[in-house]
Amino acid sequence: MIAIGDIHLHLISESRYRVDPGGVFGLVPRALWSRYASVDDDHLMVMVSTVLLAQTGGLNVLVDTGQG
């Protein structure tokens, strides 16, 4: 949790899913993106959707990641 004045921010891990890295990195060569991401035996990488929850003045605001 991060507090900025009377605003409290929470990062919530919504879901984990596996995707083909070609769809994520496009034409970037594997030698470059493999420094930051690894693949499993099926050549898929794990992605995580995270949402932001902001709480202030008795209000809850959920900021969606915009995927789907």
PDB file of N, CA and C in Angstrom:
ATOM      1  N   MET A   1       0.839  -1.176   0.000  1.00  0.00           N
ATOM      2  CA  MET A   1       0.000   0.000   0.000  1.00  0.00           C
ATOM      3  C   MET A   1       0.886   1.242   0.000  1.00  0.00           C
ATOM      4  N   ILE A   2       0.485   2.221  -0.768  1.00  0.00           N
ATOM      5  CA  ILE A   2       1.185   3.493  -0.842  1.00  0.00           C
ATOM      6  C   ILE A   2       0.210   4.569  -0.384  1.00  0.00           C
ATOM      7  N   ALA A   3       0.656   5.438   0.504  1.00  0.00           N
ATOM      8  CA  ALA A   3      -0.191   6.525   0.994  1.00  0.00           C
ATOM      9  C   ALA A   3       0.362   7.853   0.493  1.00  0.00           C
ATOM     10  N   ILE A   4      -0.506   8.637  -0.137  1.00  0.00           N
ATOM     11  CA  ILE A   4      -0.165   9.986  -0.590  1.00  0.00           C
ATOM     12  C   ILE A   4      -1.217  10.906   0.016  1.00  0.00           C
ATOM     13  N   GLY A   5      -0.855  11.559   1.086  1.00  0.00           N
ATOM     14  CA  GLY A   5      -1.837  12.369   1.803  1.00  0.00           C
ATOM     15  C   GLY A   5      -2.946  11.475   2.337  1.00  0.00           C
ATOM     16  N   ASP A   6      -4.188  11.788   2.001  1.00  0.00           N
ATOM     17  CA  ASP A   6      -5.309  10.950   2.447  1.00  0.00           C
ATOM     18  C   ASP A   6      -5.736   9.927   1.388  1.00  0.00           C
ATOM     19  N   ILE A   7      -4.928   9.751   0.363  1.00  0.00           N
ATOM     20  CA  ILE A   7      -5.210   8.768  -0.685  1.00  0.00           C
ATOM     21  C   ILE A   7      -4.365   7.524  -0.433  1.00  0.00           C
ATOM     22  N   HIS A   8      -5.007   6.369  -0.430  1.00  0.00           N
ATOM     23  CA  HIS A   8      -4.313   5.094  -0.261  1.00  0.00           C
ATOM     24  C   HIS A   8      -4.413   4.318  -1.569  1.00  0.00           C
ATOM     25  N   LEU A   9      -3.261   3.893  -2.096  1.00  0.00           N
ATOM     26  CA  LEU A   9      -3.207   3.163  -3.356  1.00  0.00           C
ATOM     27  C   LEU A   9      -2.791   1.719  -3.100  1.00  0.00           C
ATOM     28  N   HIS A  10      -3.525   0.790  -3.718  1.00  0.00           N
ATOM     29  CA  HIS A  10      -3.244  -0.632  -3.592  1.00  0.00           C
ATOM     30  C   HIS A  10      -3.110  -1.224  -4.992  1.00  0.00           C
ATOM     31  N   LEU A  11      -2.089  -2.035  -5.216  1.00  0.00           N
ATOM     32  CA  LEU A  11      -1.962  -2.788  -6.462  1.00  0.00           C
ATOM     33  C   LEU A  11      -2.492  -4.184  -6.205  1.00  0.00           C
ATOM     34  N   ILE A  12      -3.454  -4.612  -7.006  1.00  0.00           N
ATOM     35  CA  ILE A  12      -4.102  -5.905  -6.831  1.00  0.00           C
ATOM     36  C   ILE A  12      -3.822  -6.760  -8.058  1.00  0.00           C
ATOM     37  N   SER A  13      -3.207  -7.917  -7.835  1.00  0.00           N
ATOM     38  CA  SER A  13      -2.956  -8.850  -8.918  1.00  0.00           C
ATOM     39  C   SER A  13      -4.267  -9.546  -9.257  1.00  0.00           C
ATOM     40  N   GLU A  14      -4.781  -9.269 -10.445  1.00  0.00           N
ATOM     41  CA  GLU A  14      -6.094  -9.782 -10.838  1.00  0.00           C
ATOM     42  C   GLU A  14      -6.020 -11.195 -11.397  1.00  0.00           C
ATOM     43  N   SER A  15      -5.092 -11.427 -12.310  1.00  0.00           N
ATOM     44  CA  SER A  15      -5.030 -12.743 -12.939  1.00  0.00           C
ATOM     45  C   SER A  15      -3.653 -12.983 -13.532  1.00  0.00           C
ATOM     46  N   ARG A  16      -3.357 -14.255 -13.753  1.00  0.00           N
ATOM     47  CA  ARG A  16      -2.133 -14.678 -14.436  1.00  0.00           C
ATOM     48  C   ARG A  16      -2.555 -15.510 -15.632  1.00  0.00           C
ATOM     49  N   TYR A  17      -1.907 -15.302 -16.762  1.00  0.00           N
ATOM     50  CA  TYR A  17      -2.241 -16.068 -17.958  1.00  0.00           C
ATOM     51  C   TYR A  17      -0.981 -16.248 -18.792  1.00  0.00           C
ATOM     52  N   ARG A  18      -1.009 -17.220 -19.662  1.00  0.00           N
ATOM     53  CA  ARG A  18       0.137 -17.528 -20.516  1.00  0.00           C
ATOM     54  C   ARG A  18      -0.148 -17.075 -21.936  1.00  0.00           C
ATOM     55  N   VAL A  19       0.836 -16.430 -22.547  1.00  0.00           N
ATOM     56  CA  VAL A  19       0.676 -15.917 -23.913  1.00  0.00           C
ATOM     57  C   VAL A  19       1.909 -16.249 -24.751  1.00  0.00           C
ATOM     58  N   ASP A  20       1.733 -16.193 -26.065  1.00  0.00           N
ATOM     59  CA  ASP A  20       2.833 -16.361 -27.004  1.00  0.00           C
ATOM     60  C   ASP A  20       3.637 -15.058 -27.015  1.00  0.00           C
ATOM     61  N   PRO A  21       4.939 -15.106 -26.750  1.00  0.00           N
ATOM     62  CA  PRO A  21       5.743 -13.873 -26.717  1.00  0.00           C
ATOM     63  C   PRO A  21       5.749 -13.115 -28.036  1.00  0.00           C
ATOM     64  N   GLY A  22       5.523 -13.786 -29.152  1.00  0.00           N
ATOM     65  CA  GLY A  22       5.473 -13.099 -30.440  1.00  0.00           C
ATOM     66  C   GLY A  22       4.373 -12.058 -30.489  1.00  0.00           C
ATOM     67  N   GLY A  23       3.268 -12.320 -29.806  1.00  0.00           N
ATOM     68  CA  GLY A  23       2.174 -11.356 -29.760  1.00  0.00           C
ATOM     69  C   GLY A  23       2.487 -10.168 -28.877  1.00  0.00           C
ATOM     70  N   VAL A  24       3.328 -10.365 -27.897  1.00  0.00           N
ATOM     71  CA  VAL A  24       3.685  -9.293 -26.966  1.00  0.00           C
ATOM     72  C   VAL A  24       4.813  -8.429 -27.531  1.00  0.00           C
ATOM     73  N   PHE A  25       5.853  -9.080 -28.046  1.00  0.00           N
ATOM     74  CA  PHE A  25       7.042  -8.360 -28.475  1.00  0.00           C
ATOM     75  C   PHE A  25       7.124  -8.120 -29.979  1.00  0.00           C
ATOM     76  N   GLY A  26       6.225  -8.730 -30.734  1.00  0.00           N
ATOM     77  CA  GLY A  26       6.189  -8.494 -32.167  1.00  0.00           C
ATOM     78  C   GLY A  26       7.468  -8.902 -32.866  1.00  0.00           C
ATOM     79  N   LEU A  27       8.067  -7.986 -33.611  1.00  0.00           N
ATOM     80  CA  LEU A  27       9.253  -8.284 -34.410  1.00  0.00           C
ATOM     81  C   LEU A  27      10.575  -8.123 -33.648  1.00  0.00           C
ATOM     82  N   VAL A  28      10.502  -7.872 -32.347  1.00  0.00           N
ATOM     83  CA  VAL A  28      11.728  -7.755 -31.547  1.00  0.00           C
ATOM     84  C   VAL A  28      12.379  -9.137 -31.467  1.00  0.00           C
ATOM     85  N   PRO A  29      13.655  -9.250 -31.772  1.00  0.00           N
ATOM     86  CA  PRO A  29      14.318 -10.558 -31.736  1.00  0.00           C
ATOM     87  C   PRO A  29      14.314 -11.177 -30.335  1.00  0.00           C
ATOM     88  N   ARG A  30      14.194 -12.488 -30.300  1.00  0.00           N
ATOM     89  CA  ARG A  30      14.147 -13.208 -29.032  1.00  0.00           C
ATOM     90  C   ARG A  30      15.386 -12.930 -28.173  1.00  0.00           C
ATOM     91  N   ALA A  31      16.538 -12.745 -28.810  1.00  0.00           N
ATOM     92  CA  ALA A  31      17.770 -12.472 -28.067  1.00  0.00           C
ATOM     93  C   ALA A  31      17.647 -11.209 -27.206  1.00  0.00           C
ATOM     94  N   LEU A  32      16.816 -10.255 -27.614  1.00  0.00           N
ATOM     95  CA  LEU A  32      16.628  -9.028 -26.838  1.00  0.00           C
ATOM     96  C   LEU A  32      15.598  -9.197 -25.729  1.00  0.00           C
ATOM     97  N   TRP A  33      14.397  -9.731 -26.054  1.00  0.00           N
ATOM     98  CA  TRP A  33      13.362  -9.805 -25.022  1.00  0.00           C
ATOM     99  C   TRP A  33      13.591 -10.928 -24.025  1.00  0.00           C
ATOM    100  N   SER A  34      14.399 -11.945 -24.379  1.00  0.00           N
ATOM    101  CA  SER A  34      14.624 -13.056 -23.461  1.00  0.00           C
ATOM    102  C   SER A  34      15.451 -12.642 -22.237  1.00  0.00           C
ATOM    103  N   ARG A  35      16.054 -11.460 -22.267  1.00  0.00           N
ATOM    104  CA  ARG A  35      16.748 -10.936 -21.084  1.00  0.00           C
ATOM    105  C   ARG A  35      15.768 -10.606 -19.965  1.00  0.00           C
ATOM    106  N   TYR A  36      14.536 -10.275 -20.321  1.00  0.00           N
ATOM    107  CA  TYR A  36      13.551  -9.788 -19.363  1.00  0.00           C
ATOM    108  C   TYR A  36      12.400 -10.749 -19.118  1.00  0.00           C
ATOM    109  N   ALA A  37      12.230 -11.733 -19.965  1.00  0.00           N
ATOM    110  CA  ALA A  37      11.107 -12.671 -19.847  1.00  0.00           C
ATOM    111  C   ALA A  37      11.591 -14.068 -20.213  1.00  0.00           C
ATOM    112  N   SER A  38      11.003 -15.058 -19.566  1.00  0.00           N
ATOM    113  CA  SER A  38      11.349 -16.445 -19.876  1.00  0.00           C
ATOM    114  C   SER A  38      10.095 -17.177 -20.352  1.00  0.00           C
ATOM    115  N   VAL A  39      10.306 -18.270 -21.067  1.00  0.00           N
ATOM    116  CA  VAL A  39       9.191 -19.054 -21.581  1.00  0.00           C
ATOM    117  C   VAL A  39       9.220 -20.440 -20.941  1.00  0.00           C
ATOM    118  N   ASP A  40       8.059 -21.112 -20.968  1.00  0.00           N
ATOM    119  CA  ASP A  40       7.976 -22.465 -20.425  1.00  0.00           C
ATOM    120  C   ASP A  40       8.222 -23.493 -21.533  1.00  0.00           C
ATOM    121  N   ASP A  41       7.956 -24.757 -21.249  1.00  0.00           N
ATOM    122  CA  ASP A  41       8.199 -25.831 -22.223  1.00  0.00           C
ATOM    123  C   ASP A  41       7.332 -25.713 -23.473  1.00  0.00           C
ATOM    124  N   ASP A  42       6.190 -25.023 -23.352  1.00  0.00           N
ATOM    125  CA  ASP A  42       5.288 -24.824 -24.494  1.00  0.00           C
ATOM    126  C   ASP A  42       5.591 -23.524 -25.232  1.00  0.00           C
ATOM    127  N   HIS A  43       6.692 -22.870 -24.880  1.00  0.00           N
ATOM    128  CA  HIS A  43       7.112 -21.590 -25.470  1.00  0.00           C
ATOM    129  C   HIS A  43       6.093 -20.486 -25.220  1.00  0.00           C
ATOM    130  N   LEU A  44       5.511 -20.490 -24.011  1.00  0.00           N
ATOM    131  CA  LEU A  44       4.585 -19.444 -23.589  1.00  0.00           C
ATOM    132  C   LEU A  44       5.175 -18.728 -22.384  1.00  0.00           C
ATOM    133  N   MET A  45       4.871 -17.447 -22.251  1.00  0.00           N
ATOM    134  CA  MET A  45       5.344 -16.694 -21.089  1.00  0.00           C
ATOM    135  C   MET A  45       4.167 -16.286 -20.215  1.00  0.00           C
ATOM    136  N   VAL A  46       4.424 -16.117 -18.937  1.00  0.00           N
ATOM    137  CA  VAL A  46       3.377 -15.754 -17.982  1.00  0.00           C
ATOM    138  C   VAL A  46       3.239 -14.233 -17.957  1.00  0.00           C
ATOM    139  N   MET A  47       2.002 -13.756 -18.066  1.00  0.00           N
ATOM    140  CA  MET A  47       1.687 -12.334 -17.947  1.00  0.00           C
ATOM    141  C   MET A  47       0.759 -12.167 -16.741  1.00  0.00           C
ATOM    142  N   VAL A  48       0.788 -11.004 -16.124  1.00  0.00           N
ATOM    143  CA  VAL A  48      -0.033 -10.730 -14.947  1.00  0.00           C
ATOM    144  C   VAL A  48      -0.830  -9.457 -15.202  1.00  0.00           C
ATOM    145  N   SER A  49      -2.133  -9.511 -14.922  1.00  0.00           N
ATOM    146  CA  SER A  49      -2.961  -8.306 -14.977  1.00  0.00           C
ATOM    147  C   SER A  49      -3.044  -7.732 -13.568  1.00  0.00           C
ATOM    148  N   THR A  50      -2.750  -6.447 -13.453  1.00  0.00           N
ATOM    149  CA  THR A  50      -2.775  -5.780 -12.164  1.00  0.00           C
ATOM    150  C   THR A  50      -3.705  -4.586 -12.261  1.00  0.00           C
ATOM    151  N   VAL A  51      -4.557  -4.411 -11.256  1.00  0.00           N
ATOM    152  CA  VAL A  51      -5.462  -3.263 -11.208  1.00  0.00           C
ATOM    153  C   VAL A  51      -5.046  -2.368 -10.041  1.00  0.00           C
ATOM    154  N   LEU A  52      -5.406  -1.112 -10.115  1.00  0.00           N
ATOM    155  CA  LEU A  52      -5.077  -0.139  -9.087  1.00  0.00           C
ATOM    156  C   LEU A  52      -6.345   0.216  -8.322  1.00  0.00           C
ATOM    157  N   LEU A  53      -6.289   0.103  -6.997  1.00  0.00           N
ATOM    158  CA  LEU A  53      -7.400   0.511  -6.131  1.00  0.00           C
ATOM    159  C   LEU A  53      -6.975   1.765  -5.396  1.00  0.00           C
ATOM    160  N   ALA A  54      -7.705   2.850  -5.588  1.00  0.00           N
ATOM    161  CA  ALA A  54      -7.448   4.115  -4.896  1.00  0.00           C
ATOM    162  C   ALA A  54      -8.580   4.338  -3.895  1.00  0.00           C
ATOM    163  N   GLN A  55      -8.223   4.578  -2.637  1.00  0.00           N
ATOM    164  CA  GLN A  55      -9.207   4.822  -1.583  1.00  0.00           C
ATOM    165  C   GLN A  55      -8.969   6.213  -1.011  1.00  0.00           C
ATOM    166  N   THR A  56     -10.016   7.013  -1.009  1.00  0.00           N
ATOM    167  CA  THR A  56      -9.928   8.359  -0.450  1.00  0.00           C
ATOM    168  C   THR A  56     -11.312   8.851  -0.056  1.00  0.00           C
ATOM    169  N   GLY A  57     -11.397   9.506   1.061  1.00  0.00           N
ATOM    170  CA  GLY A  57     -12.653  10.110   1.509  1.00  0.00           C
ATOM    171  C   GLY A  57     -13.831   9.153   1.517  1.00  0.00           C
ATOM    172  N   GLY A  58     -13.615   7.892   1.858  1.00  0.00           N
ATOM    173  CA  GLY A  58     -14.691   6.910   1.885  1.00  0.00           C
ATOM    174  C   GLY A  58     -15.067   6.375   0.518  1.00  0.00           C
ATOM    175  N   LEU A  59     -14.343   6.772  -0.524  1.00  0.00           N
ATOM    176  CA  LEU A  59     -14.613   6.290  -1.877  1.00  0.00           C
ATOM    177  C   LEU A  59     -13.560   5.267  -2.292  1.00  0.00           C
ATOM    178  N   ASN A  60     -13.990   4.290  -3.047  1.00  0.00           N
ATOM    179  CA  ASN A  60     -13.092   3.311  -3.652  1.00  0.00           C
ATOM    180  C   ASN A  60     -13.154   3.471  -5.155  1.00  0.00           C
ATOM    181  N   VAL A  61     -12.006   3.651  -5.785  1.00  0.00           N
ATOM    182  CA  VAL A  61     -11.942   3.795  -7.238  1.00  0.00           C
ATOM    183  C   VAL A  61     -11.041   2.681  -7.749  1.00  0.00           C
ATOM    184  N   LEU A  62     -11.586   1.839  -8.617  1.00  0.00           N
ATOM    185  CA  LEU A  62     -10.828   0.736  -9.200  1.00  0.00           C
ATOM    186  C   LEU A  62     -10.457   1.112 -10.624  1.00  0.00           C
ATOM    187  N   VAL A  63      -9.157   1.138 -10.925  1.00  0.00           N
ATOM    188  CA  VAL A  63      -8.672   1.483 -12.252  1.00  0.00           C
ATOM    189  C   VAL A  63      -8.313   0.195 -12.972  1.00  0.00           C
ATOM    190  N   ASP A  64      -9.050  -0.101 -14.035  1.00  0.00           N
ATOM    191  CA  ASP A  64      -8.851  -1.339 -14.790  1.00  0.00           C
ATOM    192  C   ASP A  64      -7.652  -1.204 -15.721  1.00  0.00           C
ATOM    193  N   THR A  65      -7.052  -2.341 -16.066  1.00  0.00           N
ATOM    194  CA  THR A  65      -5.904  -2.335 -16.962  1.00  0.00           C
ATOM    195  C   THR A  65      -6.289  -2.134 -18.416  1.00  0.00           C
ATOM    196  N   GLY A  66      -7.555  -2.325 -18.759  1.00  0.00           N
ATOM    197  CA  GLY A  66      -8.005  -2.095 -20.117  1.00  0.00           C
ATOM    198  C   GLY A  66      -7.812  -3.270 -21.046  1.00  0.00           C
ATOM    199  N   GLN A  67      -7.537  -4.449 -20.524  1.00  0.00           N
ATOM    200  CA  GLN A  67      -7.373  -5.632 -21.363  1.00  0.00           C
ATOM    201  C   GLN A  67      -8.672  -6.413 -21.388  1.00  0.00           C
ATOM    202  N   GLY A  68      -9.291  -6.464 -22.519  1.00  0.00           N
ATOM    203  CA  GLY A  68     -10.514  -7.242 -22.663  1.00  0.00           C
ATOM    204  C   GLY A  68     -11.668  -6.483 -22.172  1.00  0.00           C
TER     205      GLY A  68
END
